[in-house]
Amino acid sequence: QVQLVESGGGLVQAGGSLRLSCAASRTIFISPMNWYRQAPGKQRELVASIGNGANTNYADSVKGRFTISRDNGKNTVYLEMNSLKPEDTAVYYCNLPYPRPGYWGQGTQVTVSS
């Protein structure tokens, strides 16, 4: 079993920044990691991914504003979010996709006011 604990969410004004953290209970050194988000009434969507080689991918809606990174020594993945918009409001979830079916954190709420 793996526990993932997200932190760093909160209320921020449009244009502001937040940094989310996801701490894993065991090493994630060779594991890809994902950040998802789910807004009210919408499906959960993939926001950013980072591979074991630190290669990254982003949803078009966040490219240029969000940055995913990892600190393998701390078993932690980060999501730096800049130039936040009201449409970024959602619960953000950390995901370890392997081994299947994968693991999820409890989520952290991000609310962006206009």
PDB file of N, CA and C in Angstrom:
ATOM      1  N   GLN A   1       0.840  -1.202   0.000  1.00  0.00           N
ATOM      2  CA  GLN A   1       0.000   0.000   0.000  1.00  0.00           C
ATOM      3  C   GLN A   1       0.869   1.244   0.000  1.00  0.00           C
ATOM      4  N   VAL A   2       0.358   2.261  -0.645  1.00  0.00           N
ATOM      5  CA  VAL A   2       1.041   3.549  -0.703  1.00  0.00           C
ATOM      6  C   VAL A   2       0.049   4.627  -0.302  1.00  0.00           C
ATOM      7  N   GLN A   3       0.460   5.496   0.575  1.00  0.00           N
ATOM      8  CA  GLN A   3      -0.360   6.653   0.916  1.00  0.00           C
ATOM      9  C   GLN A   3       0.212   7.888   0.233  1.00  0.00           C
ATOM     10  N   LEU A   4      -0.680   8.681  -0.339  1.00  0.00           N
ATOM     11  CA  LEU A   4      -0.320   9.954  -0.955  1.00  0.00           C
ATOM     12  C   LEU A   4      -1.060  11.054  -0.209  1.00  0.00           C
ATOM     13  N   VAL A   5      -0.324  12.060   0.219  1.00  0.00           N
ATOM     14  CA  VAL A   5      -0.934  13.145   0.984  1.00  0.00           C
ATOM     15  C   VAL A   5      -0.635  14.470   0.292  1.00  0.00           C
ATOM     16  N   GLU A   6      -1.714  15.113  -0.186  1.00  0.00           N
ATOM     17  CA  GLU A   6      -1.564  16.414  -0.844  1.00  0.00           C
ATOM     18  C   GLU A   6      -1.675  17.536   0.185  1.00  0.00           C
ATOM     19  N   SER A   7      -1.031  18.639  -0.115  1.00  0.00           N
ATOM     20  CA  SER A   7      -1.142  19.837   0.705  1.00  0.00           C
ATOM     21  C   SER A   7      -0.856  21.058  -0.156  1.00  0.00           C
ATOM     22  N   GLY A   8      -1.183  22.224   0.377  1.00  0.00           N
ATOM     23  CA  GLY A   8      -0.854  23.457  -0.313  1.00  0.00           C
ATOM     24  C   GLY A   8      -2.006  24.164  -0.989  1.00  0.00           C
ATOM     25  N   GLY A   9      -3.177  23.547  -0.975  1.00  0.00           N
ATOM     26  CA  GLY A   9      -4.322  24.203  -1.585  1.00  0.00           C
ATOM     27  C   GLY A   9      -4.798  25.388  -0.746  1.00  0.00           C
ATOM     28  N   GLY A  10      -5.750  26.132  -1.304  1.00  0.00           N
ATOM     29  CA  GLY A  10      -6.286  27.272  -0.570  1.00  0.00           C
ATOM     30  C   GLY A  10      -7.055  28.200  -1.468  1.00  0.00           C
ATOM     31  N   LEU A  11      -7.329  29.368  -0.942  1.00  0.00           N
ATOM     32  CA  LEU A  11      -8.065  30.403  -1.670  1.00  0.00           C
ATOM     33  C   LEU A  11      -7.075  31.464  -2.135  1.00  0.00           C
ATOM     34  N   VAL A  12      -7.137  31.796  -3.414  1.00  0.00           N
ATOM     35  CA  VAL A  12      -6.219  32.776  -3.970  1.00  0.00           C
ATOM     36  C   VAL A  12      -6.958  33.626  -4.997  1.00  0.00           C
ATOM     37  N   GLN A  13      -6.536  34.839  -5.161  1.00  0.00           N
ATOM     38  CA  GLN A  13      -7.139  35.707  -6.168  1.00  0.00           C
ATOM     39  C   GLN A  13      -6.600  35.357  -7.550  1.00  0.00           C
ATOM     40  N   ALA A  14      -7.390  35.671  -8.551  1.00  0.00           N
ATOM     41  CA  ALA A  14      -6.956  35.457  -9.929  1.00  0.00           C
ATOM     42  C   ALA A  14      -5.623  36.164 -10.162  1.00  0.00           C
ATOM     43  N   GLY A  15      -4.726  35.470 -10.855  1.00  0.00           N
ATOM     44  CA  GLY A  15      -3.392  36.006 -11.084  1.00  0.00           C
ATOM     45  C   GLY A  15      -2.372  35.563 -10.052  1.00  0.00           C
ATOM     46  N   GLY A  16      -2.864  34.975  -8.983  1.00  0.00           N
ATOM     47  CA  GLY A  16      -1.991  34.547  -7.908  1.00  0.00           C
ATOM     48  C   GLY A  16      -1.352  33.192  -8.158  1.00  0.00           C
ATOM     49  N   SER A  17      -0.634  32.715  -7.153  1.00  0.00           N
ATOM     50  CA  SER A  17       0.117  31.465  -7.275  1.00  0.00           C
ATOM     51  C   SER A  17      -0.106  30.583  -6.060  1.00  0.00           C
ATOM     52  N   LEU A  18       0.011  29.296  -6.283  1.00  0.00           N
ATOM     53  CA  LEU A  18       0.006  28.299  -5.221  1.00  0.00           C
ATOM     54  C   LEU A  18       0.984  27.200  -5.585  1.00  0.00           C
ATOM     55  N   ARG A  19       1.497  26.528  -4.568  1.00  0.00           N
ATOM     56  CA  ARG A  19       2.361  25.376  -4.789  1.00  0.00           C
ATOM     57  C   ARG A  19       1.783  24.185  -4.046  1.00  0.00           C
ATOM     58  N   LEU A  20       1.380  23.186  -4.790  1.00  0.00           N
ATOM     59  CA  LEU A  20       0.858  21.972  -4.199  1.00  0.00           C
ATOM     60  C   LEU A  20       1.989  20.968  -3.996  1.00  0.00           C
ATOM     61  N   SER A  21       1.862  20.184  -2.933  1.00  0.00           N
ATOM     62  CA  SER A  21       2.819  19.121  -2.662  1.00  0.00           C
ATOM     63  C   SER A  21       2.080  17.805  -2.520  1.00  0.00           C
ATOM     64  N   CYS A  22       2.738  16.730  -2.905  1.00  0.00           N
ATOM     65  CA  CYS A  22       2.197  15.381  -2.731  1.00  0.00           C
ATOM     66  C   CYS A  22       3.306  14.522  -2.153  1.00  0.00           C
ATOM     67  N   ALA A  23       3.134  14.130  -0.913  1.00  0.00           N
ATOM     68  CA  ALA A  23       4.124  13.304  -0.229  1.00  0.00           C
ATOM     69  C   ALA A  23       3.685  11.846  -0.256  1.00  0.00           C
ATOM     70  N   ALA A  24       4.585  10.974  -0.733  1.00  0.00           N
ATOM     71  CA  ALA A  24       4.297   9.545  -0.806  1.00  0.00           C
ATOM     72  C   ALA A  24       4.924   8.833   0.384  1.00  0.00           C
ATOM     73  N   SER A  25       4.274   7.730   0.779  1.00  0.00           N
ATOM     74  CA  SER A  25       4.734   6.993   1.965  1.00  0.00           C
ATOM     75  C   SER A  25       5.886   6.045   1.649  1.00  0.00           C
ATOM     76  N   ARG A  26       6.210   5.893   0.337  1.00  0.00           N
ATOM     77  CA  ARG A  26       7.354   5.071  -0.022  1.00  0.00           C
ATOM     78  C   ARG A  26       8.037   5.700  -1.231  1.00  0.00           C
ATOM     79  N   THR A  27       9.167   5.137  -1.588  1.00  0.00           N
ATOM     80  CA  THR A  27       9.924   5.725  -2.675  1.00  0.00           C
ATOM     81  C   THR A  27       9.135   5.766  -3.975  1.00  0.00           C
ATOM     82  N   ILE A  28       9.296   6.870  -4.685  1.00  0.00           N
ATOM     83  CA  ILE A  28       8.654   7.027  -5.991  1.00  0.00           C
ATOM     84  C   ILE A  28       9.717   7.204  -7.059  1.00  0.00           C
ATOM     85  N   PHE A  29      10.924   6.755  -6.767  1.00  0.00           N
ATOM     86  CA  PHE A  29      12.087   7.068  -7.590  1.00  0.00           C
ATOM     87  C   PHE A  29      11.900   6.697  -9.050  1.00  0.00           C
ATOM     88  N   ILE A  30      11.318   5.528  -9.338  1.00  0.00           N
ATOM     89  CA  ILE A  30      11.212   5.093 -10.727  1.00  0.00           C
ATOM     90  C   ILE A  30       9.782   5.197 -11.247  1.00  0.00           C
ATOM     91  N   SER A  31       8.934   5.887 -10.510  1.00  0.00           N
ATOM     92  CA  SER A  31       7.503   5.922 -10.849  1.00  0.00           C
ATOM     93  C   SER A  31       7.118   7.226 -11.537  1.00  0.00           C
ATOM     94  N   PRO A  32       6.362   7.140 -12.619  1.00  0.00           N
ATOM     95  CA  PRO A  32       5.726   8.358 -13.119  1.00  0.00           C
ATOM     96  C   PRO A  32       4.678   8.823 -12.103  1.00  0.00           C
ATOM     97  N   MET A  33       4.411  10.111 -12.095  1.00  0.00           N
ATOM     98  CA  MET A  33       3.433  10.673 -11.166  1.00  0.00           C
ATOM     99  C   MET A  33       2.559  11.679 -11.919  1.00  0.00           C
ATOM    100  N   ASN A  34       1.319  11.784 -11.485  1.00  0.00           N
ATOM    101  CA  ASN A  34       0.362  12.670 -12.140  1.00  0.00           C
ATOM    102  C   ASN A  34      -0.321  13.587 -11.143  1.00  0.00           C
ATOM    103  N   TRP A  35      -0.748  14.730 -11.638  1.00  0.00           N
ATOM    104  CA  TRP A  35      -1.697  15.597 -10.935  1.00  0.00           C
ATOM    105  C   TRP A  35      -2.967  15.650 -11.780  1.00  0.00           C
ATOM    106  N   TYR A  36      -4.093  15.400 -11.136  1.00  0.00           N
ATOM    107  CA  TYR A  36      -5.414  15.527 -11.742  1.00  0.00           C
ATOM    108  C   TYR A  36      -6.174  16.620 -10.996  1.00  0.00           C
ATOM    109  N   ARG A  37      -7.269  17.044 -11.607  1.00  0.00           N
ATOM    110  CA  ARG A  37      -8.170  17.940 -10.908  1.00  0.00           C
ATOM    111  C   ARG A  37      -9.609  17.628 -11.299  1.00  0.00           C
ATOM    112  N   GLN A  38     -10.511  17.964 -10.394  1.00  0.00           N
ATOM    113  CA  GLN A  38     -11.935  17.761 -10.660  1.00  0.00           C
ATOM    114  C   GLN A  38     -12.709  18.959 -10.151  1.00  0.00           C
ATOM    115  N   ALA A  39     -13.340  19.651 -11.076  1.00  0.00           N
ATOM    116  CA  ALA A  39     -14.183  20.786 -10.733  1.00  0.00           C
ATOM    117  C   ALA A  39     -15.617  20.298 -10.508  1.00  0.00           C
ATOM    118  N   PRO A  40     -16.411  21.055  -9.770  1.00  0.00           N
ATOM    119  CA  PRO A  40     -17.802  20.640  -9.507  1.00  0.00           C
ATOM    120  C   PRO A  40     -18.566  20.388 -10.804  1.00  0.00           C
ATOM    121  N   GLY A  41     -19.212  19.225 -10.868  1.00  0.00           N
ATOM    122  CA  GLY A  41     -20.010  18.887 -12.037  1.00  0.00           C
ATOM    123  C   GLY A  41     -19.219  18.470 -13.248  1.00  0.00           C
ATOM    124  N   LYS A  42     -17.911  18.326 -13.111  1.00  0.00           N
ATOM    125  CA  LYS A  42     -17.080  17.948 -14.253  1.00  0.00           C
ATOM    126  C   LYS A  42     -16.312  16.669 -13.959  1.00  0.00           C
ATOM    127  N   GLN A  43     -15.835  16.038 -15.040  1.00  0.00           N
ATOM    128  CA  GLN A  43     -15.029  14.843 -14.870  1.00  0.00           C
ATOM    129  C   GLN A  43     -13.628  15.199 -14.410  1.00  0.00           C
ATOM    130  N   ARG A  44     -13.009  14.223 -13.763  1.00  0.00           N
ATOM    131  CA  ARG A  44     -11.624  14.419 -13.359  1.00  0.00           C
ATOM    132  C   ARG A  44     -10.755  14.489 -14.609  1.00  0.00           C
ATOM    133  N   GLU A  45      -9.819  15.446 -14.631  1.00  0.00           N
ATOM    134  CA  GLU A  45      -8.973  15.620 -15.801  1.00  0.00           C
ATOM    135  C   GLU A  45      -7.500  15.617 -15.409  1.00  0.00           C
ATOM    136  N   LEU A  46      -6.677  15.103 -16.305  1.00  0.00           N
ATOM    137  CA  LEU A  46      -5.240  15.079 -16.101  1.00  0.00           C
ATOM    138  C   LEU A  46      -4.674  16.467 -16.354  1.00  0.00           C
ATOM    139  N   VAL A  47      -3.943  16.969 -15.389  1.00  0.00           N
ATOM    140  CA  VAL A  47      -3.378  18.316 -15.477  1.00  0.00           C
ATOM    141  C   VAL A  47      -1.908  18.271 -15.882  1.00  0.00           C
ATOM    142  N   ALA A  48      -1.136  17.393 -15.229  1.00  0.00           N
ATOM    143  CA  ALA A  48       0.301  17.350 -15.492  1.00  0.00           C
ATOM    144  C   ALA A  48       0.841  15.982 -15.114  1.00  0.00           C
ATOM    145  N   SER A  49       1.886  15.567 -15.835  1.00  0.00           N
ATOM    146  CA  SER A  49       2.540  14.295 -15.568  1.00  0.00           C
ATOM    147  C   SER A  49       4.043  14.496 -15.568  1.00  0.00           C
ATOM    148  N   ILE A  50       4.727  13.673 -14.777  1.00  0.00           N
ATOM    149  CA  ILE A  50       6.178  13.687 -14.776  1.00  0.00           C
ATOM    150  C   ILE A  50       6.658  12.247 -14.771  1.00  0.00           C
ATOM    151  N   GLY A  51       7.601  11.936 -15.671  1.00  0.00           N
ATOM    152  CA  GLY A  51       8.127  10.590 -15.760  1.00  0.00           C
ATOM    153  C   GLY A  51       9.289  10.381 -14.810  1.00  0.00           C
ATOM    154  N   ASN A  52       9.803   9.145 -14.807  1.00  0.00           N
ATOM    155  CA  ASN A  52      10.928   8.865 -13.915  1.00  0.00           C
ATOM    156  C   ASN A  52      12.195   9.555 -14.380  1.00  0.00           C
ATOM    157  N   GLY A  53      12.210   9.972 -15.644  1.00  0.00           N
ATOM    158  CA  GLY A  53      13.343  10.731 -16.149  1.00  0.00           C
ATOM    159  C   GLY A  53      13.112  12.227 -16.107  1.00  0.00           C
ATOM    160  N   ALA A  54      12.054  12.628 -15.380  1.00  0.00           N
ATOM    161  CA  ALA A  54      11.704  14.042 -15.210  1.00  0.00           C
ATOM    162  C   ALA A  54      11.134  14.674 -16.475  1.00  0.00           C
ATOM    163  N   ASN A  55      10.814  13.862 -17.490  1.00  0.00           N
ATOM    164  CA  ASN A  55      10.099  14.403 -18.634  1.00  0.00           C
ATOM    165  C   ASN A  55       8.680  14.760 -18.187  1.00  0.00           C
ATOM    166  N   THR A  56       8.147  15.843 -18.733  1.00  0.00           N
ATOM    167  CA  THR A  56       6.860  16.353 -18.269  1.00  0.00           C
ATOM    168  C   THR A  56       5.870  16.547 -19.414  1.00  0.00           C
ATOM    169  N   ASN A  57       4.589  16.484 -19.060  1.00  0.00           N
ATOM    170  CA  ASN A  57       3.508  16.772 -19.994  1.00  0.00           C
ATOM    171  C   ASN A  57       2.428  17.553 -19.273  1.00  0.00           C
ATOM    172  N   TYR A  58       1.742  18.425 -20.025  1.00  0.00           N
ATOM    173  CA  TYR A  58       0.731  19.286 -19.425  1.00  0.00           C
ATOM    174  C   TYR A  58      -0.519  19.335 -20.282  1.00  0.00           C
ATOM    175  N   ALA A  59      -1.643  19.534 -19.619  1.00  0.00           N
ATOM    176  CA  ALA A  59      -2.862  19.829 -20.344  1.00  0.00           C
ATOM    177  C   ALA A  59      -2.698  21.191 -21.015  1.00  0.00           C
ATOM    178  N   ASP A  60      -3.320  21.341 -22.170  1.00  0.00           N
ATOM    179  CA  ASP A  60      -3.197  22.606 -22.895  1.00  0.00           C
ATOM    180  C   ASP A  60      -3.649  23.798 -22.049  1.00  0.00           C
ATOM    181  N   SER A  61      -4.634  23.574 -21.211  1.00  0.00           N
ATOM    182  CA  SER A  61      -5.212  24.662 -20.428  1.00  0.00           C
ATOM    183  C   SER A  61      -4.256  25.223 -19.379  1.00  0.00           C
ATOM    184  N   VAL A  62      -3.188  24.476 -19.054  1.00  0.00           N
ATOM    185  CA  VAL A  62      -2.276  24.933 -18.002  1.00  0.00           C
ATOM    186  C   VAL A  62      -0.851  25.147 -18.500  1.00  0.00           C
ATOM    187  N   LYS A  63      -0.591  24.833 -19.760  1.00  0.00           N
ATOM    188  CA  LYS A  63       0.760  24.997 -20.304  1.00  0.00           C
ATOM    189  C   LYS A  63       1.234  26.429 -20.159  1.00  0.00           C
ATOM    190  N   GLY A  64       2.466  26.570 -19.703  1.00  0.00           N
ATOM    191  CA  GLY A  64       3.031  27.897 -19.516  1.00  0.00           C
ATOM    192  C   GLY A  64       2.707  28.526 -18.178  1.00  0.00           C
ATOM    193  N   ARG A  65       1.763  27.921 -17.439  1.00  0.00           N
ATOM    194  CA  ARG A  65       1.386  28.482 -16.126  1.00  0.00           C
ATOM    195  C   ARG A  65       1.711  27.531 -14.980  1.00  0.00           C
ATOM    196  N   PHE A  66       1.606  26.235 -15.230  1.00  0.00           N
ATOM    197  CA  PHE A  66       1.851  25.231 -14.193  1.00  0.00           C
ATOM    198  C   PHE A  66       3.170  24.515 -14.481  1.00  0.00           C
ATOM    199  N   THR A  67       3.839  24.110 -13.401  1.00  0.00           N
ATOM    200  CA  THR A  67       5.067  23.336 -13.523  1.00  0.00           C
ATOM    201  C   THR A  67       5.037  22.181 -12.532  1.00  0.00           C
ATOM    202  N   ILE A  68       5.234  20.972 -13.050  1.00  0.00           N
ATOM    203  CA  ILE A  68       5.309  19.786 -12.199  1.00  0.00           C
ATOM    204  C   ILE A  68       6.778  19.452 -11.998  1.00  0.00           C
ATOM    205  N   SER A  69       7.120  19.058 -10.778  1.00  0.00           N
ATOM    206  CA  SER A  69       8.497  18.687 -10.474  1.00  0.00           C
ATOM    207  C   SER A  69       8.482  17.620  -9.391  1.00  0.00           C
ATOM    208  N   ARG A  70       9.649  17.031  -9.163  1.00  0.00           N
ATOM    209  CA  ARG A  70       9.713  15.984  -8.150  1.00  0.00           C
ATOM    210  C   ARG A  70      11.025  16.070  -7.390  1.00  0.00           C
ATOM    211  N   ASP A  71      10.969  15.636  -6.138  1.00  0.00           N
ATOM    212  CA  ASP A  71      12.152  15.492  -5.306  1.00  0.00           C
ATOM    213  C   ASP A  71      12.153  14.041  -4.836  1.00  0.00           C
ATOM    214  N   ASN A  72      12.894  13.196  -5.529  1.00  0.00           N
ATOM    215  CA  ASN A  72      12.875  11.768  -5.201  1.00  0.00           C
ATOM    216  C   ASN A  72      13.428  11.483  -3.808  1.00  0.00           C
ATOM    217  N   GLY A  73      14.344  12.310  -3.355  1.00  0.00           N
ATOM    218  CA  GLY A  73      14.896  12.121  -2.018  1.00  0.00           C
ATOM    219  C   GLY A  73      13.858  12.323  -0.926  1.00  0.00           C
ATOM    220  N   LYS A  74      12.852  13.144  -1.230  1.00  0.00           N
ATOM    221  CA  LYS A  74      11.778  13.406  -0.269  1.00  0.00           C
ATOM    222  C   LYS A  74      10.492  12.668  -0.633  1.00  0.00           C
ATOM    223  N   ASN A  75      10.537  11.851  -1.684  1.00  0.00           N
ATOM    224  CA  ASN A  75       9.335  11.130  -2.138  1.00  0.00           C
ATOM    225  C   ASN A  75       8.167  12.089  -2.343  1.00  0.00           C
ATOM    226  N   THR A  76       8.448  13.216  -2.954  1.00  0.00           N
ATOM    227  CA  THR A  76       7.450  14.280  -3.070  1.00  0.00           C
ATOM    228  C   THR A  76       7.386  14.800  -4.501  1.00  0.00           C
ATOM    229  N   VAL A  77       6.171  15.075  -4.928  1.00  0.00           N
ATOM    230  CA  VAL A  77       5.920  15.693  -6.220  1.00  0.00           C
ATOM    231  C   VAL A  77       5.239  17.035  -5.975  1.00  0.00           C
ATOM    232  N   TYR A  78       5.576  18.008  -6.788  1.00  0.00           N
ATOM    233  CA  TYR A  78       5.052  19.360  -6.615  1.00  0.00           C
ATOM    234  C   TYR A  78       4.300  19.794  -7.861  1.00  0.00           C
ATOM    235  N   LEU A  79       3.380  20.724  -7.653  1.00  0.00           N
ATOM    236  CA  LEU A  79       2.721  21.394  -8.772  1.00  0.00           C
ATOM    237  C   LEU A  79       2.733  22.882  -8.463  1.00  0.00           C
ATOM    238  N   GLU A  80       3.586  23.599  -9.173  1.00  0.00           N
ATOM    239  CA  GLU A  80       3.653  25.047  -9.040  1.00  0.00           C
ATOM    240  C   GLU A  80       2.642  25.641  -9.999  1.00  0.00           C
ATOM    241  N   MET A  81       1.743  26.450  -9.462  1.00  0.00           N
ATOM    242  CA  MET A  81       0.654  27.004 -10.263  1.00  0.00           C
ATOM    243  C   MET A  81       0.742  28.525 -10.221  1.00  0.00           C
ATOM    244  N   ASN A  82       0.946  29.124 -11.368  1.00  0.00           N
ATOM    245  CA  ASN A  82       1.053  30.574 -11.489  1.00  0.00           C
ATOM    246  C   ASN A  82      -0.050  31.110 -12.391  1.00  0.00           C
ATOM    247  N   SER A  83      -0.254  32.407 -12.320  1.00  0.00           N
ATOM    248  CA  SER A  83      -1.278  33.070 -13.138  1.00  0.00           C
ATOM    249  C   SER A  83      -2.609  32.333 -13.060  1.00  0.00           C
ATOM    250  N   LEU A  84      -3.004  32.033 -11.853  1.00  0.00           N
ATOM    251  CA  LEU A  84      -4.218  31.242 -11.654  1.00  0.00           C
ATOM    252  C   LEU A  84      -5.453  31.972 -12.139  1.00  0.00           C
ATOM    253  N   LYS A  85      -6.389  31.182 -12.658  1.00  0.00           N
ATOM    254  CA  LYS A  85      -7.637  31.703 -13.191  1.00  0.00           C
ATOM    255  C   LYS A  85      -8.809  31.086 -12.424  1.00  0.00           C
ATOM    256  N   PRO A  86      -9.956  31.742 -12.418  1.00  0.00           N
ATOM    257  CA  PRO A  86     -11.124  31.143 -11.741  1.00  0.00           C
ATOM    258  C   PRO A  86     -11.446  29.741 -12.254  1.00  0.00           C
ATOM    259  N   GLU A  87     -11.197  29.480 -13.520  1.00  0.00           N
ATOM    260  CA  GLU A  87     -11.488  28.153 -14.063  1.00  0.00           C
ATOM    261  C   GLU A  87     -10.509  27.085 -13.590  1.00  0.00           C
ATOM    262  N   ASP A  88      -9.477  27.464 -12.856  1.00  0.00           N
ATOM    263  CA  ASP A  88      -8.588  26.483 -12.242  1.00  0.00           C
ATOM    264  C   ASP A  88      -9.144  25.955 -10.923  1.00  0.00           C
ATOM    265  N   THR A  89     -10.247  26.532 -10.478  1.00  0.00           N
ATOM    266  CA  THR A  89     -10.868  26.096  -9.235  1.00  0.00           C
ATOM    267  C   THR A  89     -11.289  24.635  -9.341  1.00  0.00           C
ATOM    268  N   ALA A  90     -10.808  23.821  -8.409  1.00  0.00           N
ATOM    269  CA  ALA A  90     -11.072  22.381  -8.431  1.00  0.00           C
ATOM    270  C   ALA A  90     -10.432  21.737  -7.207  1.00  0.00           C
ATOM    271  N   VAL A  91     -10.756  20.476  -7.014  1.00  0.00           N
ATOM    272  CA  VAL A  91      -9.996  19.651  -6.079  1.00  0.00           C
ATOM    273  C   VAL A  91      -8.867  19.006  -6.878  1.00  0.00           C
ATOM    274  N   TYR A  92      -7.653  19.146  -6.396  1.00  0.00           N
ATOM    275  CA  TYR A  92      -6.476  18.629  -7.091  1.00  0.00           C
ATOM    276  C   TYR A  92      -6.021  17.346  -6.390  1.00  0.00           C
ATOM    277  N   TYR A  93      -5.792  16.316  -7.214  1.00  0.00           N
ATOM    278  CA  TYR A  93      -5.423  15.003  -6.705  1.00  0.00           C
ATOM    279  C   TYR A  93      -4.071  14.569  -7.254  1.00  0.00           C
ATOM    280  N   CYS A  94      -3.290  13.983  -6.394  1.00  0.00           N
ATOM    281  CA  CYS A  94      -2.043  13.350  -6.775  1.00  0.00           C
ATOM    282  C   CYS A  94      -2.337  11.888  -7.129  1.00  0.00           C
ATOM    283  N   ASN A  95      -1.661  11.376  -8.137  1.00  0.00           N
ATOM    284  CA  ASN A  95      -1.895  10.007  -8.593  1.00  0.00           C
ATOM    285  C   ASN A  95      -0.588   9.304  -8.882  1.00  0.00           C
ATOM    286  N   LEU A  96      -0.456   8.116  -8.301  1.00  0.00           N
ATOM    287  CA  LEU A  96       0.618   7.197  -8.648  1.00  0.00           C
ATOM    288  C   LEU A  96      -0.028   6.101  -9.493  1.00  0.00           C
ATOM    289  N   PRO A  97       0.254   6.059 -10.790  1.00  0.00           N
ATOM    290  CA  PRO A  97      -0.527   5.170 -11.658  1.00  0.00           C
ATOM    291  C   PRO A  97      -0.155   3.693 -11.604  1.00  0.00           C
ATOM    292  N   TYR A  98       1.024   3.365 -11.087  1.00  0.00           N
ATOM    293  CA  TYR A  98       1.460   1.971 -11.046  1.00  0.00           C
ATOM    294  C   TYR A  98       1.940   1.604  -9.652  1.00  0.00           C
ATOM    295  N   PRO A  99       1.717   0.298  -9.272  1.00  0.00           N
ATOM    296  CA  PRO A  99       1.042  -0.748 -10.030  1.00  0.00           C
ATOM    297  C   PRO A  99      -0.462  -0.506 -10.117  1.00  0.00           C
ATOM    298  N   ARG A 100      -1.066  -1.004 -11.182  1.00  0.00           N
ATOM    299  CA  ARG A 100      -2.508  -0.836 -11.395  1.00  0.00           C
ATOM    300  C   ARG A 100      -3.264  -1.468 -10.248  1.00  0.00           C
ATOM    301  N   PRO A 101      -4.406  -0.841  -9.821  1.00  0.00           N
ATOM    302  CA  PRO A 101      -5.105   0.275 -10.455  1.00  0.00           C
ATOM    303  C   PRO A 101      -4.579   1.649 -10.092  1.00  0.00           C
ATOM    304  N   GLY A 102      -3.495   1.704  -9.376  1.00  0.00           N
ATOM    305  CA  GLY A 102      -2.916   2.973  -9.016  1.00  0.00           C
ATOM    306  C   GLY A 102      -3.401   3.456  -7.659  1.00  0.00           C
ATOM    307  N   TYR A 103      -2.832   4.565  -7.234  1.00  0.00           N
ATOM    308  CA  TYR A 103      -3.132   5.130  -5.922  1.00  0.00           C
ATOM    309  C   TYR A 103      -3.472   6.615  -6.061  1.00  0.00           C
ATOM    310  N   TRP A 104      -4.355   7.075  -5.152  1.00  0.00           N
ATOM    311  CA  TRP A 104      -4.812   8.464  -5.157  1.00  0.00           C
ATOM    312  C   TRP A 104      -4.690   9.063  -3.770  1.00  0.00           C
ATOM    313  N   GLY A 105      -4.398  10.350  -3.743  1.00  0.00           N
ATOM    314  CA  GLY A 105      -4.468  11.071  -2.496  1.00  0.00           C
ATOM    315  C   GLY A 105      -5.899  11.495  -2.211  1.00  0.00           C
ATOM    316  N   GLN A 106      -6.077  12.193  -1.098  1.00  0.00           N
ATOM    317  CA  GLN A 106      -7.418  12.600  -0.686  1.00  0.00           C
ATOM    318  C   GLN A 106      -7.860  13.886  -1.379  1.00  0.00           C
ATOM    319  N   GLY A 107      -6.931  14.576  -2.007  1.00  0.00           N
ATOM    320  CA  GLY A 107      -7.246  15.805  -2.720  1.00  0.00           C
ATOM    321  C   GLY A 107      -7.039  17.042  -1.862  1.00  0.00           C
ATOM    322  N   THR A 108      -6.777  18.136  -2.535  1.00  0.00           N
ATOM    323  CA  THR A 108      -6.644  19.432  -1.869  1.00  0.00           C
ATOM    324  C   THR A 108      -7.402  20.469  -2.688  1.00  0.00           C
ATOM    325  N   GLN A 109      -8.204  21.273  -2.011  1.00  0.00           N
ATOM    326  CA  GLN A 109      -9.072  22.237  -2.695  1.00  0.00           C
ATOM    327  C   GLN A 109      -8.283  23.482  -3.093  1.00  0.00           C
ATOM    328  N   VAL A 110      -8.448  23.866  -4.342  1.00  0.00           N
ATOM    329  CA  VAL A 110      -7.905  25.128  -4.844  1.00  0.00           C
ATOM    330  C   VAL A 110      -9.077  25.974  -5.324  1.00  0.00           C
ATOM    331  N   THR A 111      -9.202  27.164  -4.767  1.00  0.00           N
ATOM    332  CA  THR A 111     -10.273  28.072  -5.157  1.00  0.00           C
ATOM    333  C   THR A 111      -9.657  29.389  -5.604  1.00  0.00           C
ATOM    334  N   VAL A 112      -9.990  29.793  -6.820  1.00  0.00           N
ATOM    335  CA  VAL A 112      -9.455  31.030  -7.379  1.00  0.00           C
ATOM    336  C   VAL A 112     -10.604  32.017  -7.542  1.00  0.00           C
ATOM    337  N   SER A 113     -10.515  33.121  -6.849  1.00  0.00           N
ATOM    338  CA  SER A 113     -11.567  34.126  -6.917  1.00  0.00           C
ATOM    339  C   SER A 113     -11.254  35.159  -7.996  1.00  0.00           C
ATOM    340  N   SER A 114     -12.313  35.685  -8.586  1.00  0.00           N
ATOM    341  CA  SER A 114     -12.122  36.665  -9.672  1.00  0.00           C
ATOM    342  C   SER A 114     -12.073  38.085  -9.140  1.00  0.00           C
TER     343      SER A 114
END
